[in-house]
Amino acid sequence: MDLDALLLHYFHSDAPETLDEDALAAGVERLALDFGVERSPERRFALWVLLDSFGAAPSPADAFEDPGQREAANRYLDALWKAERQ
């Protein structure tokens, strides 16, 4: 999945930091909706990561039934947390 393509698709901009609050909320809503119906594990994980970058991702326990995906999401969050502390 291409990040720029995802941003354009959901936010109609490749610079979401320039969007007003309503446009940003609408993009996050579209993204969350697609996350909820996506069945491909890889695409679902990518959408979850993007949701997380906007502070809108459900917890890994709520987002992923598959233990492997749940563990991958937890490892992602751990790595992100460690990177933010450096």
PDB file of N, CA and C in Angstrom:
ATOM      1  N   MET A   1       0.854  -1.176   0.000  1.00  0.00           N
ATOM      2  CA  MET A   1       0.000   0.000   0.000  1.00  0.00           C
ATOM      3  C   MET A   1       0.898   1.237   0.000  1.00  0.00           C
ATOM      4  N   ASP A   2       0.526   2.196  -0.764  1.00  0.00           N
ATOM      5  CA  ASP A   2       1.286   3.428  -0.916  1.00  0.00           C
ATOM      6  C   ASP A   2       0.694   4.506  -0.007  1.00  0.00           C
ATOM      7  N   LEU A   3       1.501   5.063   0.879  1.00  0.00           N
ATOM      8  CA  LEU A   3       1.010   6.044   1.844  1.00  0.00           C
ATOM      9  C   LEU A   3       0.390   7.255   1.159  1.00  0.00           C
ATOM     10  N   ASP A   4       1.048   7.785   0.153  1.00  0.00           N
ATOM     11  CA  ASP A   4       0.495   8.956  -0.535  1.00  0.00           C
ATOM     12  C   ASP A   4      -0.864   8.642  -1.157  1.00  0.00           C
ATOM     13  N   ALA A   5      -0.997   7.456  -1.740  1.00  0.00           N
ATOM     14  CA  ALA A   5      -2.273   7.063  -2.343  1.00  0.00           C
ATOM     15  C   ALA A   5      -3.354   6.929  -1.270  1.00  0.00           C
ATOM     16  N   LEU A   6      -2.993   6.366  -0.119  1.00  0.00           N
ATOM     17  CA  LEU A   6      -3.969   6.249   0.972  1.00  0.00           C
ATOM     18  C   LEU A   6      -4.408   7.620   1.471  1.00  0.00           C
ATOM     19  N   LEU A   7      -3.460   8.515   1.650  1.00  0.00           N
ATOM     20  CA  LEU A   7      -3.808   9.865   2.117  1.00  0.00           C
ATOM     21  C   LEU A   7      -4.718  10.573   1.120  1.00  0.00           C
ATOM     22  N   LEU A   8      -4.396  10.456  -0.155  1.00  0.00           N
ATOM     23  CA  LEU A   8      -5.249  11.079  -1.175  1.00  0.00           C
ATOM     24  C   LEU A   8      -6.641  10.453  -1.192  1.00  0.00           C
ATOM     25  N   HIS A   9      -6.697   9.143  -1.038  1.00  0.00           N
ATOM     26  CA  HIS A   9      -7.976   8.444  -1.076  1.00  0.00           C
ATOM     27  C   HIS A   9      -8.868   8.850   0.097  1.00  0.00           C
ATOM     28  N   TYR A  10      -8.324   8.836   1.290  1.00  0.00           N
ATOM     29  CA  TYR A  10      -9.145   9.085   2.473  1.00  0.00           C
ATOM     30  C   TYR A  10      -9.279  10.559   2.841  1.00  0.00           C
ATOM     31  N   PHE A  11      -8.244  11.353   2.575  1.00  0.00           N
ATOM     32  CA  PHE A  11      -8.253  12.753   3.013  1.00  0.00           C
ATOM     33  C   PHE A  11      -8.284  13.743   1.853  1.00  0.00           C
ATOM     34  N   HIS A  12      -8.217  13.236   0.621  1.00  0.00           N
ATOM     35  CA  HIS A  12      -8.218  14.084  -0.572  1.00  0.00           C
ATOM     36  C   HIS A  12      -7.081  15.100  -0.538  1.00  0.00           C
ATOM     37  N   SER A  13      -6.002  14.708   0.139  1.00  0.00           N
ATOM     38  CA  SER A  13      -4.816  15.552   0.260  1.00  0.00           C
ATOM     39  C   SER A  13      -3.647  14.664   0.657  1.00  0.00           C
ATOM     40  N   ASP A  14      -2.459  15.005   0.192  1.00  0.00           N
ATOM     41  CA  ASP A  14      -1.289  14.263   0.654  1.00  0.00           C
ATOM     42  C   ASP A  14      -0.607  14.985   1.807  1.00  0.00           C
ATOM     43  N   ALA A  15      -1.273  16.014   2.323  1.00  0.00           N
ATOM     44  CA  ALA A  15      -0.763  16.781   3.459  1.00  0.00           C
ATOM     45  C   ALA A  15      -1.893  16.973   4.480  1.00  0.00           C
ATOM     46  N   PRO A  16      -2.255  15.919   5.205  1.00  0.00           N
ATOM     47  CA  PRO A  16      -3.385  16.020   6.126  1.00  0.00           C
ATOM     48  C   PRO A  16      -3.197  17.071   7.221  1.00  0.00           C
ATOM     49  N   GLU A  17      -1.943  17.445   7.500  1.00  0.00           N
ATOM     50  CA  GLU A  17      -1.714  18.477   8.512  1.00  0.00           C
ATOM     51  C   GLU A  17      -2.250  19.842   8.093  1.00  0.00           C
ATOM     52  N   THR A  18      -2.573  19.999   6.804  1.00  0.00           N
ATOM     53  CA  THR A  18      -3.106  21.271   6.313  1.00  0.00           C
ATOM     54  C   THR A  18      -4.635  21.309   6.335  1.00  0.00           C
ATOM     55  N   LEU A  19      -5.264  20.196   6.668  1.00  0.00           N
ATOM     56  CA  LEU A  19      -6.724  20.107   6.619  1.00  0.00           C
ATOM     57  C   LEU A  19      -7.367  20.737   7.850  1.00  0.00           C
ATOM     58  N   ASP A  20      -8.571  21.249   7.650  1.00  0.00           N
ATOM     59  CA  ASP A  20      -9.305  21.734   8.810  1.00  0.00           C
ATOM     60  C   ASP A  20      -9.871  20.552   9.593  1.00  0.00           C
ATOM     61  N   GLU A  21     -10.385  20.816  10.766  1.00  0.00           N
ATOM     62  CA  GLU A  21     -10.847  19.766  11.670  1.00  0.00           C
ATOM     63  C   GLU A  21     -11.931  18.885  11.056  1.00  0.00           C
ATOM     64  N   ASP A  22     -12.870  19.492  10.344  1.00  0.00           N
ATOM     65  CA  ASP A  22     -13.959  18.725   9.737  1.00  0.00           C
ATOM     66  C   ASP A  22     -13.465  17.794   8.633  1.00  0.00           C
ATOM     67  N   ALA A  23     -12.574  18.276   7.794  1.00  0.00           N
ATOM     68  CA  ALA A  23     -12.033  17.457   6.706  1.00  0.00           C
ATOM     69  C   ALA A  23     -11.194  16.308   7.274  1.00  0.00           C
ATOM     70  N   LEU A  24     -10.440  16.583   8.309  1.00  0.00           N
ATOM     71  CA  LEU A  24      -9.638  15.539   8.938  1.00  0.00           C
ATOM     72  C   LEU A  24     -10.536  14.474   9.570  1.00  0.00           C
ATOM     73  N   ALA A  25     -11.580  14.910  10.266  1.00  0.00           N
ATOM     74  CA  ALA A  25     -12.514  13.964  10.888  1.00  0.00           C
ATOM     75  C   ALA A  25     -13.226  13.120   9.837  1.00  0.00           C
ATOM     76  N   ALA A  26     -13.585  13.721   8.716  1.00  0.00           N
ATOM     77  CA  ALA A  26     -14.256  12.975   7.649  1.00  0.00           C
ATOM     78  C   ALA A  26     -13.318  11.922   7.059  1.00  0.00           C
ATOM     79  N   GLY A  27     -12.056  12.266   6.887  1.00  0.00           N
ATOM     80  CA  GLY A  27     -11.085  11.305   6.373  1.00  0.00           C
ATOM     81  C   GLY A  27     -10.868  10.147   7.329  1.00  0.00           C
ATOM     82  N   VAL A  28     -10.765  10.453   8.614  1.00  0.00           N
ATOM     83  CA  VAL A  28     -10.597   9.403   9.615  1.00  0.00           C
ATOM     84  C   VAL A  28     -11.829   8.506   9.638  1.00  0.00           C
ATOM     85  N   GLU A  29     -13.005   9.080   9.479  1.00  0.00           N
ATOM     86  CA  GLU A  29     -14.236   8.283   9.452  1.00  0.00           C
ATOM     87  C   GLU A  29     -14.253   7.334   8.252  1.00  0.00           C
ATOM     88  N   ARG A  30     -13.852   7.826   7.083  1.00  0.00           N
ATOM     89  CA  ARG A  30     -13.789   6.963   5.889  1.00  0.00           C
ATOM     90  C   ARG A  30     -12.771   5.838   6.092  1.00  0.00           C
ATOM     91  N   LEU A  31     -11.652   6.190   6.671  1.00  0.00           N
ATOM     92  CA  LEU A  31     -10.602   5.211   6.935  1.00  0.00           C
ATOM     93  C   LEU A  31     -11.081   4.147   7.920  1.00  0.00           C
ATOM     94  N   ALA A  32     -11.738   4.561   8.990  1.00  0.00           N
ATOM     95  CA  ALA A  32     -12.240   3.618   9.988  1.00  0.00           C
ATOM     96  C   ALA A  32     -13.298   2.697   9.388  1.00  0.00           C
ATOM     97  N   LEU A  33     -14.135   3.229   8.534  1.00  0.00           N
ATOM     98  CA  LEU A  33     -15.150   2.417   7.886  1.00  0.00           C
ATOM     99  C   LEU A  33     -14.505   1.330   7.026  1.00  0.00           C
ATOM    100  N   ASP A  34     -13.526   1.711   6.223  1.00  0.00           N
ATOM    101  CA  ASP A  34     -12.844   0.717   5.388  1.00  0.00           C
ATOM    102  C   ASP A  34     -12.077  -0.295   6.233  1.00  0.00           C
ATOM    103  N   PHE A  35     -11.473   0.148   7.315  1.00  0.00           N
ATOM    104  CA  PHE A  35     -10.801  -0.779   8.215  1.00  0.00           C
ATOM    105  C   PHE A  35     -11.788  -1.824   8.729  1.00  0.00           C
ATOM    106  N   GLY A  36     -12.976  -1.395   9.062  1.00  0.00           N
ATOM    107  CA  GLY A  36     -13.978  -2.298   9.608  1.00  0.00           C
ATOM    108  C   GLY A  36     -14.460  -3.357   8.640  1.00  0.00           C
ATOM    109  N   VAL A  37     -14.407  -3.081   7.350  1.00  0.00           N
ATOM    110  CA  VAL A  37     -14.914  -4.052   6.369  1.00  0.00           C
ATOM    111  C   VAL A  37     -13.811  -4.779   5.598  1.00  0.00           C
ATOM    112  N   GLU A  38     -12.571  -4.325   5.751  1.00  0.00           N
ATOM    113  CA  GLU A  38     -11.456  -4.950   5.031  1.00  0.00           C
ATOM    114  C   GLU A  38     -11.233  -6.379   5.529  1.00  0.00           C
ATOM    115  N   ARG A  39     -11.022  -7.311   4.607  1.00  0.00           N
ATOM    116  CA  ARG A  39     -10.813  -8.707   4.971  1.00  0.00           C
ATOM    117  C   ARG A  39      -9.383  -9.180   4.746  1.00  0.00           C
ATOM    118  N   SER A  40      -8.630  -8.504   3.912  1.00  0.00           N
ATOM    119  CA  SER A  40      -7.235  -8.872   3.687  1.00  0.00           C
ATOM    120  C   SER A  40      -6.428  -8.516   4.942  1.00  0.00           C
ATOM    121  N   PRO A  41      -5.766  -9.504   5.552  1.00  0.00           N
ATOM    122  CA  PRO A  41      -5.010  -9.214   6.771  1.00  0.00           C
ATOM    123  C   PRO A  41      -3.934  -8.131   6.584  1.00  0.00           C
ATOM    124  N   GLU A  42      -3.263  -8.169   5.449  1.00  0.00           N
ATOM    125  CA  GLU A  42      -2.209  -7.192   5.204  1.00  0.00           C
ATOM    126  C   GLU A  42      -2.775  -5.785   5.051  1.00  0.00           C
ATOM    127  N   ARG A  43      -3.819  -5.649   4.273  1.00  0.00           N
ATOM    128  CA  ARG A  43      -4.447  -4.339   4.068  1.00  0.00           C
ATOM    129  C   ARG A  43      -5.077  -3.842   5.366  1.00  0.00           C
ATOM    130  N   ARG A  44      -5.692  -4.743   6.096  1.00  0.00           N
ATOM    131  CA  ARG A  44      -6.314  -4.377   7.368  1.00  0.00           C
ATOM    132  C   ARG A  44      -5.268  -3.832   8.344  1.00  0.00           C
ATOM    133  N   PHE A  45      -4.110  -4.488   8.402  1.00  0.00           N
ATOM    134  CA  PHE A  45      -3.048  -4.025   9.287  1.00  0.00           C
ATOM    135  C   PHE A  45      -2.553  -2.645   8.855  1.00  0.00           C
ATOM    136  N   ALA A  46      -2.371  -2.456   7.554  1.00  0.00           N
ATOM    137  CA  ALA A  46      -1.912  -1.153   7.051  1.00  0.00           C
ATOM    138  C   ALA A  46      -2.911  -0.053   7.384  1.00  0.00           C
ATOM    139  N   LEU A  47      -4.195  -0.333   7.232  1.00  0.00           N
ATOM    140  CA  LEU A  47      -5.212   0.667   7.573  1.00  0.00           C
ATOM    141  C   LEU A  47      -5.209   0.953   9.072  1.00  0.00           C
ATOM    142  N   TRP A  48      -4.981  -0.076   9.880  1.00  0.00           N
ATOM    143  CA  TRP A  48      -4.920   0.110  11.331  1.00  0.00           C
ATOM    144  C   TRP A  48      -3.737   1.021  11.703  1.00  0.00           C
ATOM    145  N   VAL A  49      -2.582   0.793  11.076  1.00  0.00           N
ATOM    146  CA  VAL A  49      -1.413   1.636  11.344  1.00  0.00           C
ATOM    147  C   VAL A  49      -1.717   3.085  10.977  1.00  0.00           C
ATOM    148  N   LEU A  50      -2.368   3.297   9.850  1.00  0.00           N
ATOM    149  CA  LEU A  50      -2.725   4.656   9.451  1.00  0.00           C
ATOM    150  C   LEU A  50      -3.717   5.260  10.444  1.00  0.00           C
ATOM    151  N   LEU A  51      -4.695   4.494  10.862  1.00  0.00           N
ATOM    152  CA  LEU A  51      -5.615   4.980  11.898  1.00  0.00           C
ATOM    153  C   LEU A  51      -4.852   5.353  13.163  1.00  0.00           C
ATOM    154  N   ASP A  52      -3.886   4.532  13.538  1.00  0.00           N
ATOM    155  CA  ASP A  52      -3.098   4.823  14.728  1.00  0.00           C
ATOM    156  C   ASP A  52      -2.342   6.143  14.588  1.00  0.00           C
ATOM    157  N   SER A  53      -1.859   6.429  13.400  1.00  0.00           N
ATOM    158  CA  SER A  53      -1.117   7.674  13.202  1.00  0.00           C
ATOM    159  C   SER A  53      -2.001   8.899  13.397  1.00  0.00           C
ATOM    160  N   PHE A  54      -3.303   8.721  13.301  1.00  0.00           N
ATOM    161  CA  PHE A  54      -4.246   9.816  13.545  1.00  0.00           C
ATOM    162  C   PHE A  54      -4.904   9.704  14.922  1.00  0.00           C
ATOM    163  N   GLY A  55      -4.406   8.779  15.731  1.00  0.00           N
ATOM    164  CA  GLY A  55      -4.929   8.618  17.085  1.00  0.00           C
ATOM    165  C   GLY A  55      -6.312   8.016  17.140  1.00  0.00           C
ATOM    166  N   ALA A  56      -6.681   7.255  16.115  1.00  0.00           N
ATOM    167  CA  ALA A  56      -8.050   6.738  16.027  1.00  0.00           C
ATOM    168  C   ALA A  56      -8.133   5.223  15.935  1.00  0.00           C
ATOM    169  N   ALA A  57      -7.034   4.529  16.150  1.00  0.00           N
ATOM    170  CA  ALA A  57      -7.042   3.068  16.017  1.00  0.00           C
ATOM    171  C   ALA A  57      -7.590   2.416  17.280  1.00  0.00           C
ATOM    172  N   PRO A  58      -8.387   1.379  17.105  1.00  0.00           N
ATOM    173  CA  PRO A  58      -8.790   0.597  18.277  1.00  0.00           C
ATOM    174  C   PRO A  58      -7.576  -0.157  18.821  1.00  0.00           C
ATOM    175  N   SER A  59      -7.670  -0.599  20.049  1.00  0.00           N
ATOM    176  CA  SER A  59      -6.568  -1.365  20.635  1.00  0.00           C
ATOM    177  C   SER A  59      -6.349  -2.633  19.815  1.00  0.00           C
ATOM    178  N   PRO A  60      -5.135  -3.168  19.829  1.00  0.00           N
ATOM    179  CA  PRO A  60      -4.899  -4.419  19.100  1.00  0.00           C
ATOM    180  C   PRO A  60      -5.856  -5.539  19.516  1.00  0.00           C
ATOM    181  N   ALA A  61      -6.180  -5.613  20.790  1.00  0.00           N
ATOM    182  CA  ALA A  61      -7.094  -6.657  21.269  1.00  0.00           C
ATOM    183  C   ALA A  61      -8.474  -6.513  20.647  1.00  0.00           C
ATOM    184  N   ASP A  62      -8.912  -5.280  20.417  1.00  0.00           N
ATOM    185  CA  ASP A  62     -10.217  -5.037  19.804  1.00  0.00           C
ATOM    186  C   ASP A  62     -10.167  -5.093  18.284  1.00  0.00           C
ATOM    187  N   ALA A  63      -9.012  -4.799  17.708  1.00  0.00           N
ATOM    188  CA  ALA A  63      -8.900  -4.687  16.256  1.00  0.00           C
ATOM    189  C   ALA A  63      -8.670  -6.014  15.548  1.00  0.00           C
ATOM    190  N   PHE A  64      -7.971  -6.941  16.213  1.00  0.00           N
ATOM    191  CA  PHE A  64      -7.531  -8.150  15.524  1.00  0.00           C
ATOM    192  C   PHE A  64      -7.927  -9.395  16.295  1.00  0.00           C
ATOM    193  N   GLU A  65      -8.671 -10.267  15.629  1.00  0.00           N
ATOM    194  CA  GLU A  65      -9.030 -11.560  16.226  1.00  0.00           C
ATOM    195  C   GLU A  65      -7.855 -12.526  16.171  1.00  0.00           C
ATOM    196  N   ASP A  66      -7.087 -12.455  15.096  1.00  0.00           N
ATOM    197  CA  ASP A  66      -5.960 -13.355  14.904  1.00  0.00           C
ATOM    198  C   ASP A  66      -4.839 -13.018  15.888  1.00  0.00           C
ATOM    199  N   PRO A  67      -4.374 -14.005  16.678  1.00  0.00           N
ATOM    200  CA  PRO A  67      -3.314 -13.738  17.659  1.00  0.00           C
ATOM    201  C   PRO A  67      -2.023 -13.208  17.033  1.00  0.00           C
ATOM    202  N   GLY A  68      -1.681 -13.684  15.840  1.00  0.00           N
ATOM    203  CA  GLY A  68      -0.475 -13.204  15.176  1.00  0.00           C
ATOM    204  C   GLY A  68      -0.568 -11.736  14.806  1.00  0.00           C
ATOM    205  N   GLN A  69      -1.710 -11.336  14.299  1.00  0.00           N
ATOM    206  CA  GLN A  69      -1.907  -9.921  13.955  1.00  0.00           C
ATOM    207  C   GLN A  69      -1.924  -9.059  15.208  1.00  0.00           C
ATOM    208  N   ARG A  70      -2.557  -9.558  16.245  1.00  0.00           N
ATOM    209  CA  ARG A  70      -2.612  -8.829  17.510  1.00  0.00           C
ATOM    210  C   ARG A  70      -1.195  -8.627  18.058  1.00  0.00           C
ATOM    211  N   GLU A  71      -0.389  -9.674  18.003  1.00  0.00           N
ATOM    212  CA  GLU A  71       0.995  -9.580  18.472  1.00  0.00           C
ATOM    213  C   GLU A  71       1.800  -8.608  17.615  1.00  0.00           C
ATOM    214  N   ALA A  72       1.614  -8.650  16.295  1.00  0.00           N
ATOM    215  CA  ALA A  72       2.312  -7.710  15.406  1.00  0.00           C
ATOM    216  C   ALA A  72       1.933  -6.272  15.737  1.00  0.00           C
ATOM    217  N   ALA A  73       0.658  -6.036  15.999  1.00  0.00           N
ATOM    218  CA  ALA A  73       0.208  -4.685  16.345  1.00  0.00           C
ATOM    219  C   ALA A  73       0.812  -4.243  17.674  1.00  0.00           C
ATOM    220  N   ASN A  74       0.870  -5.137  18.640  1.00  0.00           N
ATOM    221  CA  ASN A  74       1.488  -4.797  19.922  1.00  0.00           C
ATOM    222  C   ASN A  74       2.972  -4.510  19.772  1.00  0.00           C
ATOM    223  N   ARG A  75       3.662  -5.290  18.926  1.00  0.00           N
ATOM    224  CA  ARG A  75       5.086  -5.034  18.678  1.00  0.00           C
ATOM    225  C   ARG A  75       5.281  -3.684  17.992  1.00  0.00           C
ATOM    226  N   TYR A  76       4.395  -3.361  17.053  1.00  0.00           N
ATOM    227  CA  TYR A  76       4.448  -2.058  16.386  1.00  0.00           C
ATOM    228  C   TYR A  76       4.313  -0.932  17.425  1.00  0.00           C
ATOM    229  N   LEU A  77       3.321  -1.044  18.304  1.00  0.00           N
ATOM    230  CA  LEU A  77       3.114  -0.006  19.317  1.00  0.00           C
ATOM    231  C   LEU A  77       4.292   0.086  20.272  1.00  0.00           C
ATOM    232  N   ASP A  78       4.865  -1.042  20.652  1.00  0.00           N
ATOM    233  CA  ASP A  78       6.048  -1.030  21.517  1.00  0.00           C
ATOM    234  C   ASP A  78       7.218  -0.322  20.841  1.00  0.00           C
ATOM    235  N   ALA A  79       7.454  -0.640  19.568  1.00  0.00           N
ATOM    236  CA  ALA A  79       8.550  -0.011  18.828  1.00  0.00           C
ATOM    237  C   ALA A  79       8.314   1.486  18.680  1.00  0.00           C
ATOM    238  N   LEU A  80       7.089   1.865  18.414  1.00  0.00           N
ATOM    239  CA  LEU A  80       6.766   3.285  18.287  1.00  0.00           C
ATOM    240  C   LEU A  80       6.985   4.005  19.601  1.00  0.00           C
ATOM    241  N   TRP A  81       6.560   3.398  20.691  1.00  0.00           N
ATOM    242  CA  TRP A  81       6.733   3.990  22.019  1.00  0.00           C
ATOM    243  C   TRP A  81       8.213   4.180  22.328  1.00  0.00           C
ATOM    244  N   LYS A  82       9.021   3.155  22.031  1.00  0.00           N
ATOM    245  CA  LYS A  82      10.459   3.253  22.290  1.00  0.00           C
ATOM    246  C   LYS A  82      11.101   4.332  21.428  1.00  0.00           C
ATOM    247  N   ALA A  83      10.696   4.440  20.193  1.00  0.00           N
ATOM    248  CA  ALA A  83      11.260   5.456  19.294  1.00  0.00           C
ATOM    249  C   ALA A  83      10.913   6.863  19.772  1.00  0.00           C
ATOM    250  N   GLU A  84       9.744   7.042  20.323  1.00  0.00           N
ATOM    251  CA  GLU A  84       9.326   8.357  20.802  1.00  0.00           C
ATOM    252  C   GLU A  84      10.088   8.770  22.063  1.00  0.00           C
ATOM    253  N   ARG A  85      10.624   7.800  22.799  1.00  0.00           N
ATOM    254  CA  ARG A  85      11.332   8.087  24.038  1.00  0.00           C
ATOM    255  C   ARG A  85      12.794   8.460  23.812  1.00  0.00           C
ATOM    256  N   GLN A  86      13.302   8.253  22.597  1.00  0.00           N
ATOM    257  CA  GLN A  86      14.717   8.551  22.320  1.00  0.00           C
ATOM    258  C   GLN A  86      14.928   9.986  21.966  1.00  0.00           C
TER     259      GLN A  86
END
